[in-house]
Amino acid sequence: MPPGDPAGPAPDTPDPALDPLVQSEARRLAAESRLQANPALLAEGWERRFVIEGARVAEYVRLYESLGFEVIAEPVHAEGAQDDCTDCRIIAFLEFRLIYTRAKQSDAAQTPPAHAIDPRQT
């Protein structure tokens, strides 16, 4: 190969094969920011972390529990989305979950709220 002749695309040039994946992730992130957090959970000291597909919920629950957090994995409901957010409705349909965490409470206060969903049963 002659000097200066690159063997492929420049290192800073994105691989076009990744375009659909990047676009999909961008849409998911945009939709996530437009989903409303559960105000009752926020009032109880829970912190909304992120939206994740249902198949990966148990993985993140174990991770946060191993770090000493309580975890709730709440289903995404289409009615919690802004009216013009089509991707939000798709995320709800695909059974994504909103992950909430909070620092562990004392033993007397560890009863989860009545509306909490056991993430291991999703």
PDB file of N, CA and C in Angstrom:
ATOM      1  N   MET A   1       0.846  -1.170   0.000  1.00  0.00           N
ATOM      2  CA  MET A   1       0.000   0.000   0.000  1.00  0.00           C
ATOM      3  C   MET A   1       0.893   1.235   0.000  1.00  0.00           C
ATOM      4  N   PRO A   2       0.654   2.196  -0.885  1.00  0.00           N
ATOM      5  CA  PRO A   2       1.477   3.408  -0.938  1.00  0.00           C
ATOM      6  C   PRO A   2       1.294   4.258   0.311  1.00  0.00           C
ATOM      7  N   PRO A   3       2.330   5.016   0.695  1.00  0.00           N
ATOM      8  CA  PRO A   3       2.207   5.886   1.872  1.00  0.00           C
ATOM      9  C   PRO A   3       1.066   6.880   1.677  1.00  0.00           C
ATOM     10  N   GLY A   4       0.319   7.127   2.762  1.00  0.00           N
ATOM     11  CA  GLY A   4      -0.778   8.096   2.726  1.00  0.00           C
ATOM     12  C   GLY A   4      -2.081   7.518   2.201  1.00  0.00           C
ATOM     13  N   ASP A   5      -2.050   6.253   1.734  1.00  0.00           N
ATOM     14  CA  ASP A   5      -3.276   5.623   1.228  1.00  0.00           C
ATOM     15  C   ASP A   5      -3.908   4.832   2.374  1.00  0.00           C
ATOM     16  N   PRO A   6      -5.000   5.328   2.933  1.00  0.00           N
ATOM     17  CA  PRO A   6      -5.592   4.637   4.075  1.00  0.00           C
ATOM     18  C   PRO A   6      -6.152   3.274   3.675  1.00  0.00           C
ATOM     19  N   ALA A   7      -6.108   2.343   4.602  1.00  0.00           N
ATOM     20  CA  ALA A   7      -6.609   0.996   4.356  1.00  0.00           C
ATOM     21  C   ALA A   7      -8.130   0.940   4.450  1.00  0.00           C
ATOM     22  N   GLY A   8      -8.741   1.959   4.928  1.00  0.00           N
ATOM     23  CA  GLY A   8     -10.200   1.991   5.099  1.00  0.00           C
ATOM     24  C   GLY A   8     -10.617   3.400   5.453  1.00  0.00           C
ATOM     25  N   PRO A   9     -11.798   3.545   5.991  1.00  0.00           N
ATOM     26  CA  PRO A   9     -12.244   4.879   6.372  1.00  0.00           C
ATOM     27  C   PRO A   9     -11.358   5.463   7.461  1.00  0.00           C
ATOM     28  N   ALA A  10     -11.279   6.770   7.496  1.00  0.00           N
ATOM     29  CA  ALA A  10     -10.498   7.453   8.524  1.00  0.00           C
ATOM     30  C   ALA A  10     -11.027   7.062   9.900  1.00  0.00           C
ATOM     31  N   PRO A  11     -10.158   7.015  10.921  1.00  0.00           N
ATOM     32  CA  PRO A  11     -10.598   6.583  12.251  1.00  0.00           C
ATOM     33  C   PRO A  11     -11.744   7.416  12.820  1.00  0.00           C
ATOM     34  N   ASP A  12     -11.851   8.672  12.436  1.00  0.00           N
ATOM     35  CA  ASP A  12     -12.912   9.516  12.991  1.00  0.00           C
ATOM     36  C   ASP A  12     -14.180   9.509  12.130  1.00  0.00           C
ATOM     37  N   THR A  13     -14.204   8.697  11.086  1.00  0.00           N
ATOM     38  CA  THR A  13     -15.379   8.589  10.230  1.00  0.00           C
ATOM     39  C   THR A  13     -16.257   7.454  10.759  1.00  0.00           C
ATOM     40  N   PRO A  14     -17.535   7.758  11.105  1.00  0.00           N
ATOM     41  CA  PRO A  14     -18.397   6.700  11.638  1.00  0.00           C
ATOM     42  C   PRO A  14     -18.692   5.635  10.591  1.00  0.00           C
ATOM     43  N   ASP A  15     -18.840   4.437  11.041  1.00  0.00           N
ATOM     44  CA  ASP A  15     -19.185   3.310  10.177  1.00  0.00           C
ATOM     45  C   ASP A  15     -20.646   3.459   9.766  1.00  0.00           C
ATOM     46  N   PRO A  16     -20.952   3.562   8.472  1.00  0.00           N
ATOM     47  CA  PRO A  16     -22.335   3.736   8.036  1.00  0.00           C
ATOM     48  C   PRO A  16     -23.259   2.600   8.487  1.00  0.00           C
ATOM     49  N   ALA A  17     -22.709   1.426   8.747  1.00  0.00           N
ATOM     50  CA  ALA A  17     -23.534   0.313   9.209  1.00  0.00           C
ATOM     51  C   ALA A  17     -24.127   0.588  10.588  1.00  0.00           C
ATOM     52  N   LEU A  18     -23.526   1.498  11.329  1.00  0.00           N
ATOM     53  CA  LEU A  18     -24.018   1.824  12.669  1.00  0.00           C
ATOM     54  C   LEU A  18     -25.119   2.881  12.644  1.00  0.00           C
ATOM     55  N   ASP A  19     -25.359   3.506  11.517  1.00  0.00           N
ATOM     56  CA  ASP A  19     -26.354   4.582  11.426  1.00  0.00           C
ATOM     57  C   ASP A  19     -27.721   4.186  11.990  1.00  0.00           C
ATOM     58  N   PRO A  20     -28.299   3.046  11.604  1.00  0.00           N
ATOM     59  CA  PRO A  20     -29.615   2.700  12.157  1.00  0.00           C
ATOM     60  C   PRO A  20     -29.592   2.544  13.676  1.00  0.00           C
ATOM     61  N   LEU A  21     -28.533   1.951  14.209  1.00  0.00           N
ATOM     62  CA  LEU A  21     -28.417   1.779  15.653  1.00  0.00           C
ATOM     63  C   LEU A  21     -28.314   3.124  16.357  1.00  0.00           C
ATOM     64  N   VAL A  22     -27.499   4.014  15.835  1.00  0.00           N
ATOM     65  CA  VAL A  22     -27.316   5.338  16.424  1.00  0.00           C
ATOM     66  C   VAL A  22     -28.627   6.121  16.368  1.00  0.00           C
ATOM     67  N   GLN A  23     -29.319   6.057  15.242  1.00  0.00           N
ATOM     68  CA  GLN A  23     -30.589   6.766  15.108  1.00  0.00           C
ATOM     69  C   GLN A  23     -31.630   6.201  16.071  1.00  0.00           C
ATOM     70  N   SER A  24     -31.672   4.885  16.220  1.00  0.00           N
ATOM     71  CA  SER A  24     -32.613   4.256  17.139  1.00  0.00           C
ATOM     72  C   SER A  24     -32.340   4.688  18.580  1.00  0.00           C
ATOM     73  N   GLU A  25     -31.088   4.693  18.973  1.00  0.00           N
ATOM     74  CA  GLU A  25     -30.721   5.111  20.326  1.00  0.00           C
ATOM     75  C   GLU A  25     -31.046   6.583  20.546  1.00  0.00           C
ATOM     76  N   ALA A  26     -30.830   7.411  19.554  1.00  0.00           N
ATOM     77  CA  ALA A  26     -31.159   8.837  19.666  1.00  0.00           C
ATOM     78  C   ALA A  26     -32.660   9.018  19.877  1.00  0.00           C
ATOM     79  N   ARG A  27     -33.476   8.250  19.144  1.00  0.00           N
ATOM     80  CA  ARG A  27     -34.939   8.338  19.316  1.00  0.00           C
ATOM     81  C   ARG A  27     -35.346   7.873  20.710  1.00  0.00           C
ATOM     82  N   ARG A  28     -34.718   6.787  21.197  1.00  0.00           N
ATOM     83  CA  ARG A  28     -35.050   6.280  22.529  1.00  0.00           C
ATOM     84  C   ARG A  28     -34.722   7.307  23.603  1.00  0.00           C
ATOM     85  N   LEU A  29     -33.557   7.940  23.480  1.00  0.00           N
ATOM     86  CA  LEU A  29     -33.164   8.951  24.459  1.00  0.00           C
ATOM     87  C   LEU A  29     -34.090  10.165  24.418  1.00  0.00           C
ATOM     88  N   ALA A  30     -34.474  10.570  23.219  1.00  0.00           N
ATOM     89  CA  ALA A  30     -35.389  11.704  23.090  1.00  0.00           C
ATOM     90  C   ALA A  30     -36.742  11.370  23.714  1.00  0.00           C
ATOM     91  N   ALA A  31     -37.222  10.152  23.469  1.00  0.00           N
ATOM     92  CA  ALA A  31     -38.508   9.740  24.043  1.00  0.00           C
ATOM     93  C   ALA A  31     -38.403   9.642  25.559  1.00  0.00           C
ATOM     94  N   GLU A  32     -37.293   9.106  26.054  1.00  0.00           N
ATOM     95  CA  GLU A  32     -37.113   8.950  27.498  1.00  0.00           C
ATOM     96  C   GLU A  32     -37.223  10.286  28.214  1.00  0.00           C
ATOM     97  N   SER A  33     -36.659  11.322  27.632  1.00  0.00           N
ATOM     98  CA  SER A  33     -36.691  12.628  28.279  1.00  0.00           C
ATOM     99  C   SER A  33     -38.092  13.231  28.286  1.00  0.00           C
ATOM    100  N   ARG A  34     -38.984  12.680  27.467  1.00  0.00           N
ATOM    101  CA  ARG A  34     -40.338  13.216  27.388  1.00  0.00           C
ATOM    102  C   ARG A  34     -41.355  12.398  28.179  1.00  0.00           C
ATOM    103  N   LEU A  35     -40.913  11.335  28.826  1.00  0.00           N
ATOM    104  CA  LEU A  35     -41.792  10.533  29.670  1.00  0.00           C
ATOM    105  C   LEU A  35     -41.841  11.141  31.066  1.00  0.00           C
ATOM    106  N   GLN A  36     -43.018  11.221  31.613  1.00  0.00           N
ATOM    107  CA  GLN A  36     -43.199  11.820  32.928  1.00  0.00           C
ATOM    108  C   GLN A  36     -42.841  10.820  34.033  1.00  0.00           C
ATOM    109  N   ALA A  37     -42.096  11.276  35.016  1.00  0.00           N
ATOM    110  CA  ALA A  37     -41.792  10.449  36.179  1.00  0.00           C
ATOM    111  C   ALA A  37     -43.046  10.352  37.044  1.00  0.00           C
ATOM    112  N   ASN A  38     -43.155   9.291  37.819  1.00  0.00           N
ATOM    113  CA  ASN A  38     -44.291   9.093  38.713  1.00  0.00           C
ATOM    114  C   ASN A  38     -44.146  10.037  39.903  1.00  0.00           C
ATOM    115  N   PRO A  39     -45.012  11.045  40.026  1.00  0.00           N
ATOM    116  CA  PRO A  39     -44.860  12.028  41.110  1.00  0.00           C
ATOM    117  C   PRO A  39     -45.004  11.411  42.501  1.00  0.00           C
ATOM    118  N   ALA A  40     -45.799  10.351  42.634  1.00  0.00           N
ATOM    119  CA  ALA A  40     -45.949   9.707  43.946  1.00  0.00           C
ATOM    120  C   ALA A  40     -44.629   9.074  44.381  1.00  0.00           C
ATOM    121  N   LEU A  41     -43.929   8.453  43.445  1.00  0.00           N
ATOM    122  CA  LEU A  41     -42.635   7.853  43.791  1.00  0.00           C
ATOM    123  C   LEU A  41     -41.611   8.929  44.125  1.00  0.00           C
ATOM    124  N   LEU A  42     -41.598   9.999  43.346  1.00  0.00           N
ATOM    125  CA  LEU A  42     -40.661  11.093  43.623  1.00  0.00           C
ATOM    126  C   LEU A  42     -40.905  11.663  45.019  1.00  0.00           C
ATOM    127  N   ALA A  43     -42.171  11.799  45.396  1.00  0.00           N
ATOM    128  CA  ALA A  43     -42.519  12.333  46.713  1.00  0.00           C
ATOM    129  C   ALA A  43     -42.066  11.405  47.839  1.00  0.00           C
ATOM    130  N   GLU A  44     -41.960  10.103  47.548  1.00  0.00           N
ATOM    131  CA  GLU A  44     -41.519   9.128  48.541  1.00  0.00           C
ATOM    132  C   GLU A  44     -39.995   8.980  48.578  1.00  0.00           C
ATOM    133  N   GLY A  45     -39.297   9.828  47.810  1.00  0.00           N
ATOM    134  CA  GLY A  45     -37.842   9.810  47.848  1.00  0.00           C
ATOM    135  C   GLY A  45     -37.169   8.962  46.790  1.00  0.00           C
ATOM    136  N   TRP A  46     -37.950   8.420  45.854  1.00  0.00           N
ATOM    137  CA  TRP A  46     -37.369   7.633  44.771  1.00  0.00           C
ATOM    138  C   TRP A  46     -36.794   8.567  43.719  1.00  0.00           C
ATOM    139  N   GLU A  47     -35.723   8.133  43.081  1.00  0.00           N
ATOM    140  CA  GLU A  47     -35.088   8.904  42.004  1.00  0.00           C
ATOM    141  C   GLU A  47     -35.244   8.136  40.701  1.00  0.00           C
ATOM    142  N   ARG A  48     -35.791   8.818  39.698  1.00  0.00           N
ATOM    143  CA  ARG A  48     -35.926   8.186  38.393  1.00  0.00           C
ATOM    144  C   ARG A  48     -34.539   8.078  37.782  1.00  0.00           C
ATOM    145  N   ARG A  49     -34.170   6.880  37.325  1.00  0.00           N
ATOM    146  CA  ARG A  49     -32.847   6.660  36.747  1.00  0.00           C
ATOM    147  C   ARG A  49     -32.883   6.653  35.223  1.00  0.00           C
ATOM    148  N   PHE A  50     -33.601   5.714  34.626  1.00  0.00           N
ATOM    149  CA  PHE A  50     -33.601   5.601  33.165  1.00  0.00           C
ATOM    150  C   PHE A  50     -34.706   4.661  32.723  1.00  0.00           C
ATOM    151  N   VAL A  51     -34.886   4.555  31.418  1.00  0.00           N
ATOM    152  CA  VAL A  51     -35.842   3.636  30.801  1.00  0.00           C
ATOM    153  C   VAL A  51     -35.042   2.501  30.179  1.00  0.00           C
ATOM    154  N   ILE A  52     -35.522   1.264  30.397  1.00  0.00           N
ATOM    155  CA  ILE A  52     -34.811   0.097  29.874  1.00  0.00           C
ATOM    156  C   ILE A  52     -35.820  -0.915  29.358  1.00  0.00           C
ATOM    157  N   GLU A  53     -35.402  -1.709  28.383  1.00  0.00           N
ATOM    158  CA  GLU A  53     -36.277  -2.747  27.854  1.00  0.00           C
ATOM    159  C   GLU A  53     -36.528  -3.806  28.930  1.00  0.00           C
ATOM    160  N   GLY A  54     -37.715  -4.369  28.914  1.00  0.00           N
ATOM    161  CA  GLY A  54     -38.132  -5.316  29.934  1.00  0.00           C
ATOM    162  C   GLY A  54     -37.196  -6.495  30.123  1.00  0.00           C
ATOM    163  N   ALA A  55     -36.596  -6.969  29.057  1.00  0.00           N
ATOM    164  CA  ALA A  55     -35.719  -8.139  29.137  1.00  0.00           C
ATOM    165  C   ALA A  55     -34.470  -7.881  29.983  1.00  0.00           C
ATOM    166  N   ARG A  56     -34.109  -6.624  30.188  1.00  0.00           N
ATOM    167  CA  ARG A  56     -32.871  -6.319  30.925  1.00  0.00           C
ATOM    168  C   ARG A  56     -33.128  -5.783  32.326  1.00  0.00           C
ATOM    169  N   VAL A  57     -34.383  -5.745  32.744  1.00  0.00           N
ATOM    170  CA  VAL A  57     -34.727  -5.178  34.043  1.00  0.00           C
ATOM    171  C   VAL A  57     -34.020  -5.899  35.184  1.00  0.00           C
ATOM    172  N   ALA A  58     -34.096  -7.221  35.214  1.00  0.00           N
ATOM    173  CA  ALA A  58     -33.514  -7.988  36.324  1.00  0.00           C
ATOM    174  C   ALA A  58     -32.018  -7.708  36.488  1.00  0.00           C
ATOM    175  N   GLU A  59     -31.333  -7.537  35.376  1.00  0.00           N
ATOM    176  CA  GLU A  59     -29.888  -7.241  35.401  1.00  0.00           C
ATOM    177  C   GLU A  59     -29.612  -5.939  36.160  1.00  0.00           C
ATOM    178  N   TYR A  60     -30.392  -4.907  35.868  1.00  0.00           N
ATOM    179  CA  TYR A  60     -30.167  -3.618  36.519  1.00  0.00           C
ATOM    180  C   TYR A  60     -30.669  -3.604  37.955  1.00  0.00           C
ATOM    181  N   VAL A  61     -31.722  -4.352  38.239  1.00  0.00           N
ATOM    182  CA  VAL A  61     -32.197  -4.465  39.614  1.00  0.00           C
ATOM    183  C   VAL A  61     -31.100  -5.089  40.470  1.00  0.00           C
ATOM    184  N   ARG A  62     -30.508  -6.189  39.997  1.00  0.00           N
ATOM    185  CA  ARG A  62     -29.413  -6.829  40.748  1.00  0.00           C
ATOM    186  C   ARG A  62     -28.247  -5.869  40.944  1.00  0.00           C
ATOM    187  N   LEU A  63     -27.914  -5.120  39.909  1.00  0.00           N
ATOM    188  CA  LEU A  63     -26.795  -4.184  40.005  1.00  0.00           C
ATOM    189  C   LEU A  63     -27.051  -3.136  41.083  1.00  0.00           C
ATOM    190  N   TYR A  64     -28.203  -2.470  41.019  1.00  0.00           N
ATOM    191  CA  TYR A  64     -28.497  -1.424  42.010  1.00  0.00           C
ATOM    192  C   TYR A  64     -28.643  -2.004  43.409  1.00  0.00           C
ATOM    193  N   GLU A  65     -29.240  -3.186  43.533  1.00  0.00           N
ATOM    194  CA  GLU A  65     -29.347  -3.804  44.860  1.00  0.00           C
ATOM    195  C   GLU A  65     -27.964  -4.143  45.411  1.00  0.00           C
ATOM    196  N   SER A  66     -27.057  -4.569  44.546  1.00  0.00           N
ATOM    197  CA  SER A  66     -25.696  -4.887  45.011  1.00  0.00           C
ATOM    198  C   SER A  66     -24.955  -3.628  45.469  1.00  0.00           C
ATOM    199  N   LEU A  67     -25.416  -2.477  44.994  1.00  0.00           N
ATOM    200  CA  LEU A  67     -24.820  -1.203  45.409  1.00  0.00           C
ATOM    201  C   LEU A  67     -25.530  -0.612  46.631  1.00  0.00           C
ATOM    202  N   GLY A  68     -26.515  -1.335  47.160  1.00  0.00           N
ATOM    203  CA  GLY A  68     -27.186  -0.904  48.379  1.00  0.00           C
ATOM    204  C   GLY A  68     -28.441  -0.069  48.162  1.00  0.00           C
ATOM    205  N   PHE A  69     -29.041  -0.130  46.995  1.00  0.00           N
ATOM    206  CA  PHE A  69     -30.250   0.635  46.706  1.00  0.00           C
ATOM    207  C   PHE A  69     -31.487  -0.249  46.727  1.00  0.00           C
ATOM    208  N   GLU A  70     -32.625   0.376  47.008  1.00  0.00           N
ATOM    209  CA  GLU A  70     -33.916  -0.234  46.744  1.00  0.00           C
ATOM    210  C   GLU A  70     -34.240   0.119  45.295  1.00  0.00           C
ATOM    211  N   VAL A  71     -34.979  -0.761  44.613  1.00  0.00           N
ATOM    212  CA  VAL A  71     -35.243  -0.560  43.189  1.00  0.00           C
ATOM    213  C   VAL A  71     -36.710  -0.852  42.885  1.00  0.00           C
ATOM    214  N   ILE A  72     -37.294  -0.008  42.046  1.00  0.00           N
ATOM    215  CA  ILE A  72     -38.625  -0.244  41.490  1.00  0.00           C
ATOM    216  C   ILE A  72     -38.496  -0.162  39.974  1.00  0.00           C
ATOM    217  N   ALA A  73     -39.114  -1.111  39.292  1.00  0.00           N
ATOM    218  CA  ALA A  73     -39.165  -1.112  37.827  1.00  0.00           C
ATOM    219  C   ALA A  73     -40.632  -0.954  37.445  1.00  0.00           C
ATOM    220  N   GLU A  74     -41.002   0.247  37.081  1.00  0.00           N
ATOM    221  CA  GLU A  74     -42.395   0.559  36.780  1.00  0.00           C
ATOM    222  C   GLU A  74     -42.630   0.535  35.275  1.00  0.00           C
ATOM    223  N   PRO A  75     -43.718  -0.087  34.824  1.00  0.00           N
ATOM    224  CA  PRO A  75     -43.993  -0.096  33.382  1.00  0.00           C
ATOM    225  C   PRO A  75     -44.151   1.322  32.846  1.00  0.00           C
ATOM    226  N   VAL A  76     -43.749   1.521  31.619  1.00  0.00           N
ATOM    227  CA  VAL A  76     -43.973   2.806  30.947  1.00  0.00           C
ATOM    228  C   VAL A  76     -45.408   2.780  30.436  1.00  0.00           C
ATOM    229  N   HIS A  77     -46.169   3.798  30.794  1.00  0.00           N
ATOM    230  CA  HIS A  77     -47.558   3.908  30.340  1.00  0.00           C
ATOM    231  C   HIS A  77     -47.644   5.007  29.297  1.00  0.00           C
ATOM    232  N   ALA A  78     -48.315   4.731  28.196  1.00  0.00           N
ATOM    233  CA  ALA A  78     -48.434   5.709  27.113  1.00  0.00           C
ATOM    234  C   ALA A  78     -49.082   6.994  27.597  1.00  0.00           C
ATOM    235  N   GLU A  79     -49.981   6.895  28.557  1.00  0.00           N
ATOM    236  CA  GLU A  79     -50.645   8.118  29.036  1.00  0.00           C
ATOM    237  C   GLU A  79     -49.700   9.035  29.819  1.00  0.00           C
ATOM    238  N   GLY A  80     -48.535   8.528  30.208  1.00  0.00           N
ATOM    239  CA  GLY A  80     -47.550   9.359  30.888  1.00  0.00           C
ATOM    240  C   GLY A  80     -46.659  10.126  29.932  1.00  0.00           C
ATOM    241  N   ALA A  81     -46.892   9.959  28.633  1.00  0.00           N
ATOM    242  CA  ALA A  81     -46.066  10.614  27.616  1.00  0.00           C
ATOM    243  C   ALA A  81     -46.721  11.906  27.148  1.00  0.00           C
ATOM    244  N   GLN A  82     -45.910  12.785  26.615  1.00  0.00           N
ATOM    245  CA  GLN A  82     -46.446  14.000  26.019  1.00  0.00           C
ATOM    246  C   GLN A  82     -47.234  13.619  24.772  1.00  0.00           C
ATOM    247  N   ASP A  83     -48.253  14.406  24.461  1.00  0.00           N
ATOM    248  CA  ASP A  83     -49.164  14.078  23.361  1.00  0.00           C
ATOM    249  C   ASP A  83     -48.478  13.848  22.022  1.00  0.00           C
ATOM    250  N   ASP A  84     -47.437  14.594  21.730  1.00  0.00           N
ATOM    251  CA  ASP A  84     -46.815  14.509  20.407  1.00  0.00           C
ATOM    252  C   ASP A  84     -45.629  13.531  20.358  1.00  0.00           C
ATOM    253  N   CYS A  85     -45.503  12.669  21.355  1.00  0.00           N
ATOM    254  CA  CYS A  85     -44.351  11.766  21.423  1.00  0.00           C
ATOM    255  C   CYS A  85     -44.734  10.365  20.956  1.00  0.00           C
ATOM    256  N   THR A  86     -44.648  10.130  19.663  1.00  0.00           N
ATOM    257  CA  THR A  86     -44.961   8.819  19.090  1.00  0.00           C
ATOM    258  C   THR A  86     -44.005   7.754  19.605  1.00  0.00           C
ATOM    259  N   ASP A  87     -42.715   8.078  19.698  1.00  0.00           N
ATOM    260  CA  ASP A  87     -41.734   7.109  20.180  1.00  0.00           C
ATOM    261  C   ASP A  87     -42.031   6.690  21.620  1.00  0.00           C
ATOM    262  N   CYS A  88     -42.596   7.602  22.428  1.00  0.00           N
ATOM    263  CA  CYS A  88     -42.959   7.267  23.803  1.00  0.00           C
ATOM    264  C   CYS A  88     -44.007   6.157  23.812  1.00  0.00           C
ATOM    265  N   ARG A  89     -44.960   6.256  22.915  1.00  0.00           N
ATOM    266  CA  ARG A  89     -46.018   5.245  22.835  1.00  0.00           C
ATOM    267  C   ARG A  89     -45.446   3.900  22.372  1.00  0.00           C
ATOM    268  N   ILE A  90     -44.480   3.940  21.488  1.00  0.00           N
ATOM    269  CA  ILE A  90     -43.824   2.706  21.034  1.00  0.00           C
ATOM    270  C   ILE A  90     -43.080   2.058  22.199  1.00  0.00           C
ATOM    271  N   ILE A  91     -42.380   2.866  22.979  1.00  0.00           N
ATOM    272  CA  ILE A  91     -41.648   2.354  24.142  1.00  0.00           C
ATOM    273  C   ILE A  91     -42.621   1.697  25.119  1.00  0.00           C
ATOM    274  N   ALA A  92     -43.778   2.301  25.332  1.00  0.00           N
ATOM    275  CA  ALA A  92     -44.783   1.717  26.225  1.00  0.00           C
ATOM    276  C   ALA A  92     -45.277   0.385  25.661  1.00  0.00           C
ATOM    277  N   PHE A  93     -45.548   0.351  24.391  1.00  0.00           N
ATOM    278  CA  PHE A  93     -46.042  -0.859  23.741  1.00  0.00           C
ATOM    279  C   PHE A  93     -45.021  -1.991  23.833  1.00  0.00           C
ATOM    280  N   LEU A  94     -43.751  -1.664  23.737  1.00  0.00           N
ATOM    281  CA  LEU A  94     -42.686  -2.678  23.767  1.00  0.00           C
ATOM    282  C   LEU A  94     -42.310  -3.106  25.188  1.00  0.00           C
ATOM    283  N   GLU A  95     -43.090  -2.664  26.159  1.00  0.00           N
ATOM    284  CA  GLU A  95     -42.928  -3.081  27.555  1.00  0.00           C
ATOM    285  C   GLU A  95     -41.600  -2.662  28.173  1.00  0.00           C
ATOM    286  N   PHE A  96     -41.207  -1.445  27.927  1.00  0.00           N
ATOM    287  CA  PHE A  96     -40.042  -0.883  28.607  1.00  0.00           C
ATOM    288  C   PHE A  96     -40.438  -0.549  30.043  1.00  0.00           C
ATOM    289  N   ARG A  97     -39.443  -0.362  30.895  1.00  0.00           N
ATOM    290  CA  ARG A  97     -39.676  -0.037  32.301  1.00  0.00           C
ATOM    291  C   ARG A  97     -38.890   1.208  32.681  1.00  0.00           C
ATOM    292  N   LEU A  98     -39.485   1.998  33.557  1.00  0.00           N
ATOM    293  CA  LEU A  98     -38.785   3.116  34.186  1.00  0.00           C
ATOM    294  C   LEU A  98     -38.139   2.569  35.453  1.00  0.00           C
ATOM    295  N   ILE A  99     -36.859   2.789  35.622  1.00  0.00           N
ATOM    296  CA  ILE A  99     -36.140   2.330  36.807  1.00  0.00           C
ATOM    297  C   ILE A  99     -36.031   3.484  37.795  1.00  0.00           C
ATOM    298  N   TYR A 100     -36.466   3.225  39.026  1.00  0.00           N
ATOM    299  CA  TYR A 100     -36.349   4.178  40.130  1.00  0.00           C
ATOM    300  C   TYR A 100     -35.502   3.532  41.218  1.00  0.00           C
ATOM    301  N   THR A 101     -34.695   4.336  41.890  1.00  0.00           N
ATOM    302  CA  THR A 101     -33.907   3.826  43.020  1.00  0.00           C
ATOM    303  C   THR A 101     -33.981   4.816  44.166  1.00  0.00           C
ATOM    304  N   ARG A 102     -33.649   4.321  45.333  1.00  0.00           N
ATOM    305  CA  ARG A 102     -33.438   5.188  46.497  1.00  0.00           C
ATOM    306  C   ARG A 102     -32.547   4.431  47.461  1.00  0.00           C
ATOM    307  N   ALA A 103     -31.904   5.183  48.329  1.00  0.00           N
ATOM    308  CA  ALA A 103     -31.052   4.562  49.342  1.00  0.00           C
ATOM    309  C   ALA A 103     -31.931   3.692  50.227  1.00  0.00           C
ATOM    310  N   LYS A 104     -31.370   2.585  50.701  1.00  0.00           N
ATOM    311  CA  LYS A 104     -32.154   1.706  51.568  1.00  0.00           C
ATOM    312  C   LYS A 104     -32.618   2.455  52.797  1.00  0.00           C
ATOM    313  N   GLN A 105     -33.883   2.215  53.138  1.00  0.00           N
ATOM    314  CA  GLN A 105     -34.485   2.808  54.326  1.00  0.00           C
ATOM    315  C   GLN A 105     -34.236   1.896  55.517  1.00  0.00           C
ATOM    316  N   SER A 106     -34.567   2.346  56.718  1.00  0.00           N
ATOM    317  CA  SER A 106     -34.444   1.485  57.893  1.00  0.00           C
ATOM    318  C   SER A 106     -35.371   0.291  57.733  1.00  0.00           C
ATOM    319  N   ASP A 107     -35.129  -0.777  58.469  1.00  0.00           N
ATOM    320  CA  ASP A 107     -35.923  -2.004  58.349  1.00  0.00           C
ATOM    321  C   ASP A 107     -37.415  -1.737  58.490  1.00  0.00           C
ATOM    322  N   ALA A 108     -37.812  -0.832  59.361  1.00  0.00           N
ATOM    323  CA  ALA A 108     -39.226  -0.542  59.576  1.00  0.00           C
ATOM    324  C   ALA A 108     -39.858   0.135  58.374  1.00  0.00           C
ATOM    325  N   ALA A 109     -39.062   0.825  57.579  1.00  0.00           N
ATOM    326  CA  ALA A 109     -39.603   1.583  56.447  1.00  0.00           C
ATOM    327  C   ALA A 109     -39.349   0.912  55.111  1.00  0.00           C
ATOM    328  N   GLN A 110     -38.950  -0.349  55.088  1.00  0.00           N
ATOM    329  CA  GLN A 110     -38.593  -0.995  53.835  1.00  0.00           C
ATOM    330  C   GLN A 110     -39.775  -1.570  53.070  1.00  0.00           C
ATOM    331  N   THR A 111     -40.985  -1.398  53.545  1.00  0.00           N
ATOM    332  CA  THR A 111     -42.142  -1.887  52.812  1.00  0.00           C
ATOM    333  C   THR A 111     -42.306  -1.050  51.560  1.00  0.00           C
ATOM    334  N   PRO A 112     -42.285  -1.692  50.371  1.00  0.00           N
ATOM    335  CA  PRO A 112     -42.421  -0.918  49.142  1.00  0.00           C
ATOM    336  C   PRO A 112     -43.821  -0.343  49.011  1.00  0.00           C
ATOM    337  N   PRO A 113     -43.979   0.731  48.254  1.00  0.00           N
ATOM    338  CA  PRO A 113     -45.301   1.309  48.076  1.00  0.00           C
ATOM    339  C   PRO A 113     -46.239   0.288  47.422  1.00  0.00           C
ATOM    340  N   ALA A 114     -47.533   0.435  47.668  1.00  0.00           N
ATOM    341  CA  ALA A 114     -48.522  -0.517  47.164  1.00  0.00           C
ATOM    342  C   ALA A 114     -48.511  -0.613  45.640  1.00  0.00           C
ATOM    343  N   HIS A 115     -48.126   0.448  44.970  1.00  0.00           N
ATOM    344  CA  HIS A 115     -48.139   0.464  43.500  1.00  0.00           C
ATOM    345  C   HIS A 115     -46.840  -0.049  42.907  1.00  0.00           C
ATOM    346  N   ALA A 116     -45.891  -0.464  43.743  1.00  0.00           N
ATOM    347  CA  ALA A 116     -44.597  -0.936  43.247  1.00  0.00           C
ATOM    348  C   ALA A 116     -44.749  -2.301  42.588  1.00  0.00           C
ATOM    349  N   ILE A 117     -43.916  -2.555  41.608  1.00  0.00           N
ATOM    350  CA  ILE A 117     -43.914  -3.816  40.882  1.00  0.00           C
ATOM    351  C   ILE A 117     -42.627  -4.536  41.215  1.00  0.00           C
ATOM    352  N   ASP A 118     -42.745  -5.815  41.522  1.00  0.00           N
ATOM    353  CA  ASP A 118     -41.550  -6.603  41.770  1.00  0.00           C
ATOM    354  C   ASP A 118     -40.845  -6.817  40.432  1.00  0.00           C
ATOM    355  N   PRO A 119     -39.648  -6.229  40.232  1.00  0.00           N
ATOM    356  CA  PRO A 119     -38.980  -6.304  38.944  1.00  0.00           C
ATOM    357  C   PRO A 119     -38.616  -7.720  38.536  1.00  0.00           C
ATOM    358  N   ARG A 120     -38.519  -8.632  39.472  1.00  0.00           N
ATOM    359  CA  ARG A 120     -38.173 -10.001  39.134  1.00  0.00           C
ATOM    360  C   ARG A 120     -39.342 -10.739  38.500  1.00  0.00           C
ATOM    361  N   GLN A 121     -40.508 -10.138  38.553  1.00  0.00           N
ATOM    362  CA  GLN A 121     -41.687 -10.769  37.986  1.00  0.00           C
ATOM    363  C   GLN A 121     -42.109 -10.113  36.687  1.00  0.00           C
ATOM    364  N   THR A 122     -41.231  -9.314  36.077  1.00  0.00           N
ATOM    365  CA  THR A 122     -41.547  -8.662  34.815  1.00  0.00           C
ATOM    366  C   THR A 122     -41.015  -9.476  33.672  1.00  0.00           C
TER     367      THR A 122
END
